[in-house]
């Protein structure tokens, strides 16, 4: 277990009532964690699996947003799994959030088919050989498909999701066509999609996708989300997301069925 002196607090607004520790070096969470947690519908079915939970930030944000939800974070790296477990305990959420050190590729052998209602994931965006590989192992595994490919991720999600269960991901727009094709192959039908831009004057830098196991062919493309206005300040919507907006508001919170 890392000592307190080896950890550093992440920036989480007080409204979340969370204290999050993370290693001062290596992988550190960013705004995409808040975007992913916000995109999960208020009526998402449980239990929920967070693939590649890292320090546990998405799992804990969801535990605050969705007080009815039981959540399991799955993390391969022992150091990050230990930090995630510590974060769960120090926030008093051990009764609803569990952290399991495991390889997502092995989830089908660890979890019964159709056992979960929702899977969330902020996976590595880059194929091996595309872009510079970070010298830090935690950052490298978070950004490149060193231990988990897109196909392996979707296979694991398809196994654990029950019929009409939800897969909710944040991904890179450059691989959106590939993502949609792979989702269809796995009978995970894209239902909601939203492009995220640094500003509306710039190309999209992220995409949020919700897919339904054995769902209908009915995709809704939501209005784009701008993180900042032209002056460089957070937009009103991004500020609301960062401050945990009312989970009953916003067109992105659809029904789970």
Protein backbone atom coordinates (compact mmCIF):
# COMPACT_ATOMS: atom_id res chain seq x y z
CA UNK A 1 0.00 0.00 0.00
CA UNK A 2 1.50 3.41 -0.94
CA UNK A 3 2.28 5.69 1.98
CA UNK A 4 0.45 9.03 2.24
CA UNK A 5 3.69 10.88 1.47
CA UNK A 6 3.83 9.10 -1.87
CA UNK A 7 0.40 10.33 -2.94
CA UNK A 8 -1.01 13.65 -4.04
CA UNK A 9 -4.58 14.93 -3.87
CA UNK A 10 -6.48 15.14 -7.15
CA UNK A 11 -8.56 18.22 -7.90
CA UNK A 12 -12.21 17.40 -7.14
CA UNK A 13 -14.67 20.20 -6.30
CA UNK A 14 -16.07 20.11 -2.78
CA UNK A 15 -19.61 19.41 -4.02
CA UNK A 16 -18.54 15.82 -4.75
CA UNK A 17 -17.48 15.30 -1.11
CA UNK A 18 -14.52 13.22 -2.26
CA UNK A 19 -10.87 13.16 -1.26
CA UNK A 20 -8.85 11.45 -3.97
CA UNK A 21 -5.21 10.50 -3.73
CA UNK A 22 -3.09 9.63 -6.74
CA UNK A 23 0.64 9.00 -7.33
CA UNK A 24 2.61 12.24 -7.93
CA UNK A 25 4.13 10.60 -11.02
CA UNK A 26 2.63 8.21 -13.56
CA UNK A 27 -0.99 8.17 -14.71
CA UNK A 28 -3.18 10.99 -13.37
CA UNK A 29 -6.87 11.52 -14.06
CA UNK A 30 -8.13 14.47 -16.08
CA UNK A 31 -11.38 16.07 -17.21
CA UNK A 32 -12.30 13.05 -19.30
CA UNK A 33 -13.09 11.24 -16.02
CA UNK A 34 -15.75 13.86 -15.21
CA UNK A 35 -17.10 13.76 -18.78
CA UNK A 36 -17.45 9.98 -18.65
CA UNK A 37 -19.10 9.98 -15.22
CA UNK A 38 -21.55 12.68 -16.35
CA UNK A 39 -22.50 10.76 -19.53
CA UNK A 40 -23.77 7.74 -17.59
CA UNK A 41 -27.60 7.93 -17.46
CA UNK A 42 -29.18 8.46 -14.06
CA UNK A 43 -31.26 5.32 -14.66
CA UNK A 44 -28.33 3.12 -15.71
CA UNK A 45 -28.89 -0.47 -14.56
CA UNK A 46 -26.57 -2.03 -11.99
CA UNK A 47 -24.31 -3.48 -11.00
CA UNK A 48 -21.68 -1.42 -12.79
CA UNK A 49 -18.15 -2.42 -13.82
CA UNK A 50 -15.44 0.21 -14.38
CA UNK A 51 -12.82 -1.34 -16.67
CA UNK A 52 -9.34 0.06 -16.01
CA UNK A 53 -10.40 2.00 -12.95
CA UNK A 54 -6.91 3.46 -12.32
CA UNK A 55 -7.01 5.38 -9.04
CA UNK A 56 -10.76 4.81 -8.88
CA UNK A 57 -11.86 8.30 -9.84
CA UNK A 58 -14.68 7.38 -12.26
CA UNK A 59 -16.02 4.71 -9.90
CA UNK A 60 -16.09 7.17 -7.01
CA UNK A 61 -17.63 9.99 -9.04
CA UNK A 62 -20.37 7.58 -10.10
CA UNK A 63 -20.84 6.42 -6.51
CA UNK A 64 -21.61 10.03 -5.59
CA UNK A 65 -23.80 10.70 -8.64
CA UNK A 66 -25.73 7.43 -8.42
CA UNK A 67 -26.28 6.60 -4.73
CA UNK A 68 -28.22 3.44 -5.61
CA UNK A 69 -25.39 1.89 -7.65
CA UNK A 70 -23.02 -0.92 -6.64
CA UNK A 71 -19.72 -0.58 -8.51
CA UNK A 72 -16.69 -2.77 -9.12
CA UNK A 73 -13.48 -1.21 -10.44
CA UNK A 74 -11.19 -3.57 -12.37
CA UNK A 75 -7.51 -2.59 -12.53
CA UNK A 76 -4.52 -4.56 -13.82
CA UNK A 77 -1.69 -2.53 -12.27
CA UNK A 78 -1.08 -3.40 -8.62
CA UNK A 79 0.06 0.11 -7.68
CA UNK A 80 -3.06 1.78 -9.10
CA UNK A 81 -5.39 -0.88 -7.67
CA UNK A 82 -3.89 -0.19 -4.23
CA UNK A 83 -4.46 3.55 -4.59
CA UNK A 84 -8.04 2.96 -5.79
CA UNK A 85 -8.74 0.74 -2.79
CA UNK A 86 -7.35 3.37 -0.45
CA UNK A 87 -9.51 6.05 -2.08
CA UNK A 88 -12.61 3.89 -1.66
CA UNK A 89 -11.91 3.32 2.03
CA UNK A 90 -11.02 6.89 2.94
CA UNK A 91 -14.24 8.13 1.33
CA UNK A 92 -16.34 5.62 3.27
CA UNK A 93 -17.69 3.93 0.14
CA UNK A 94 -16.49 0.38 0.75
CA UNK A 95 -20.10 -0.80 1.13
CA UNK A 96 -20.87 0.12 -2.50
CA UNK A 97 -17.53 0.23 -4.34
CA UNK A 98 -15.09 -2.64 -4.63
CA UNK A 99 -11.73 -2.71 -6.41
CA UNK A 100 -10.48 -5.92 -7.99
CA UNK A 101 -6.97 -6.34 -9.31
CA UNK A 102 -7.53 -8.25 -12.54
CA UNK A 103 -6.86 -8.22 -16.27
CA UNK A 104 -9.90 -7.07 -18.23
CA UNK A 105 -9.04 -9.72 -20.82
CA UNK A 106 -9.67 -12.35 -18.13
CA UNK A 107 -13.02 -10.92 -17.00
CA UNK A 108 -15.02 -13.56 -18.96
CA UNK A 109 -13.39 -16.26 -16.80
CA UNK A 110 -13.99 -14.31 -13.59
CA UNK A 111 -17.55 -13.06 -14.09
CA UNK A 112 -20.69 -14.89 -15.20
CA UNK A 113 -22.17 -13.99 -18.56
CA UNK A 114 -24.83 -11.28 -18.31
CA UNK A 115 -23.97 -10.49 -14.68
CA UNK A 116 -23.78 -6.69 -15.07
CA UNK A 117 -26.09 -3.92 -16.17
CA UNK A 118 -23.52 -1.26 -17.08
CA UNK A 119 -19.85 -1.13 -18.08
CA UNK A 120 -17.91 2.13 -18.22
CA UNK A 121 -14.42 2.56 -19.60
CA UNK A 122 -11.82 5.19 -20.40
CA UNK A 123 -9.54 2.88 -22.42
CA UNK A 124 -6.19 3.49 -24.11
CA UNK A 125 -6.85 5.37 -27.35
CA UNK A 126 -3.73 4.59 -29.37
CA UNK A 127 -2.61 1.45 -31.14
CA UNK A 128 0.92 0.27 -30.47
CA UNK A 129 3.19 1.90 -33.04
CA UNK A 130 1.04 5.03 -33.34
CA UNK A 131 2.50 8.02 -31.51
CA UNK A 132 5.36 8.22 -29.03
CA UNK A 133 5.30 5.60 -26.29
CA UNK A 134 5.62 7.30 -22.90
CA UNK A 135 8.62 6.22 -20.84
CA UNK A 136 6.46 6.00 -17.71
CA UNK A 137 4.85 2.51 -17.64
CA UNK A 138 1.56 3.71 -16.08
CA UNK A 139 1.12 6.46 -18.66
CA UNK A 140 2.14 4.15 -21.49
CA UNK A 141 -0.44 1.52 -20.52
CA UNK A 142 -3.14 4.18 -20.12
CA UNK A 143 -2.51 5.69 -23.56
CA UNK A 144 -1.44 2.77 -25.77
CA UNK A 145 -2.99 -0.67 -26.28
CA UNK A 146 -0.08 -2.46 -24.62
CA UNK A 147 -2.22 -4.82 -22.53
CA UNK A 148 -5.75 -4.30 -23.86
CA UNK A 149 -6.95 -3.79 -27.44
CA UNK A 150 -10.29 -2.31 -28.43
CA UNK A 151 -11.54 -5.72 -29.57
CA UNK A 152 -10.53 -7.38 -26.29
CA UNK A 153 -12.27 -4.63 -24.31
CA UNK A 154 -15.50 -5.01 -26.25
CA UNK A 155 -15.41 -8.80 -25.98
CA UNK A 156 -15.15 -8.53 -22.19
CA UNK A 157 -17.96 -5.96 -22.05
CA UNK A 158 -20.22 -8.05 -24.27
CA UNK A 159 -19.68 -11.08 -22.02
CA UNK A 160 -20.62 -9.39 -18.75
CA UNK A 161 -23.53 -7.25 -20.00
CA UNK A 162 -27.06 -8.56 -19.80
CA UNK A 163 -29.50 -7.93 -22.63
CA UNK A 164 -30.10 -4.17 -22.97
CA UNK A 165 -27.16 -3.49 -20.66
CA UNK A 166 -25.11 -0.36 -21.33
CA UNK A 167 -21.51 0.16 -22.40
CA UNK A 168 -20.40 3.78 -21.93
CA UNK A 169 -17.00 4.90 -23.17
CA UNK A 170 -14.88 7.96 -23.80
CA UNK A 171 -12.66 7.51 -26.84
CA UNK A 172 -10.69 9.37 -29.51
CA UNK A 173 -12.61 10.63 -32.56
CA UNK A 174 -9.88 9.44 -34.94
CA UNK A 175 -10.98 5.86 -34.19
CA UNK A 176 -14.74 6.49 -34.11
CA UNK A 177 -15.45 4.61 -37.36
CA UNK A 178 -13.49 1.60 -36.09
CA UNK A 179 -15.23 1.77 -32.71
CA UNK A 180 -18.71 1.78 -34.26
CA UNK A 181 -17.81 -1.12 -36.57
CA UNK A 182 -16.47 -3.21 -33.68
CA UNK A 183 -19.50 -2.39 -31.52
CA UNK A 184 -21.83 -3.65 -34.25
CA UNK A 185 -19.79 -6.84 -34.59
CA UNK A 186 -20.32 -7.48 -30.86
CA UNK A 187 -24.06 -6.66 -31.08
CA UNK A 188 -23.46 -3.58 -28.94
CA UNK A 189 -25.55 -1.00 -30.77
CA UNK A 190 -24.49 2.65 -30.46
CA UNK A 191 -27.42 4.66 -29.04
CA UNK A 192 -25.97 8.03 -28.02
CA UNK A 193 -22.89 9.83 -29.28
CA UNK A 194 -21.45 13.21 -28.35
CA UNK A 195 -18.32 14.91 -29.66
CA UNK A 196 -16.26 16.95 -27.19
CA UNK A 197 -14.24 19.97 -28.35
CA UNK A 198 -11.68 22.09 -26.53
CA UNK A 199 -13.61 25.01 -28.11
CA UNK A 200 -16.25 24.89 -30.82
CA UNK A 201 -13.70 26.46 -33.18
CA UNK A 202 -11.46 23.39 -32.90
CA UNK A 203 -11.84 19.80 -34.09
CA UNK A 204 -13.27 17.29 -31.62
CA UNK A 205 -10.71 15.86 -29.21
CA UNK A 206 -12.91 13.22 -27.50
CA UNK A 207 -16.09 11.31 -28.20
CA UNK A 208 -18.58 9.94 -25.67
CA UNK A 209 -20.46 6.82 -26.77
CA UNK A 210 -23.27 4.80 -25.21
CA UNK A 211 -24.02 1.37 -26.71
CA UNK A 212 -26.77 -1.10 -25.81
CA UNK A 213 -26.35 -4.87 -25.80
CA UNK A 214 -28.76 -6.22 -28.45
CA UNK A 215 -30.21 -2.74 -28.77
CA UNK A 216 -32.05 -1.23 -31.73
CA UNK A 217 -30.44 0.58 -34.67
CA UNK A 218 -31.37 4.03 -33.41
CA UNK A 219 -28.40 6.35 -32.89
CA UNK A 220 -28.86 9.87 -31.53
CA UNK A 221 -25.99 12.30 -32.13
CA UNK A 222 -26.20 14.90 -29.39
CA UNK A 223 -25.12 18.55 -29.76
CA UNK A 224 -21.36 19.03 -29.37
CA UNK A 225 -19.87 19.82 -25.97
CA UNK A 226 -17.33 22.63 -25.73
CA UNK A 227 -15.00 22.53 -22.75
CA UNK A 228 -13.89 26.18 -23.06
CA UNK A 229 -15.23 29.34 -24.65
CA UNK A 230 -13.09 31.39 -27.08
CA UNK A 231 -11.66 33.35 -24.12
CA UNK A 232 -10.31 30.15 -22.55
CA UNK A 233 -12.75 29.87 -19.63
CA UNK A 234 -14.85 26.79 -18.94
CA UNK A 235 -18.24 26.93 -20.65
CA UNK A 236 -21.32 26.96 -18.42
CA UNK A 237 -22.01 23.30 -19.22
CA UNK A 238 -18.46 22.20 -18.45
CA UNK A 239 -18.59 24.06 -15.15
CA UNK A 240 -21.88 22.31 -14.36
CA UNK A 241 -20.36 18.90 -15.17
CA UNK A 242 -17.33 19.63 -13.01
CA UNK A 243 -19.65 20.69 -10.17
CA UNK A 244 -21.88 17.56 -10.48
CA UNK A 245 -24.96 18.98 -12.14
CA UNK A 246 -28.38 17.70 -11.18
CA UNK A 247 -28.51 14.12 -12.48
CA UNK A 248 -32.13 14.60 -13.60
CA UNK A 249 -31.20 17.47 -15.92
CA UNK A 250 -29.59 17.56 -19.34
CA UNK A 251 -30.54 15.78 -22.55
CA UNK A 252 -27.63 13.35 -22.19
CA UNK A 253 -29.31 11.50 -19.31
CA UNK A 254 -31.60 9.11 -21.13
CA UNK A 255 -33.46 6.01 -20.07
CA UNK A 256 -31.55 2.81 -19.58
CA UNK A 257 -33.84 0.46 -21.50
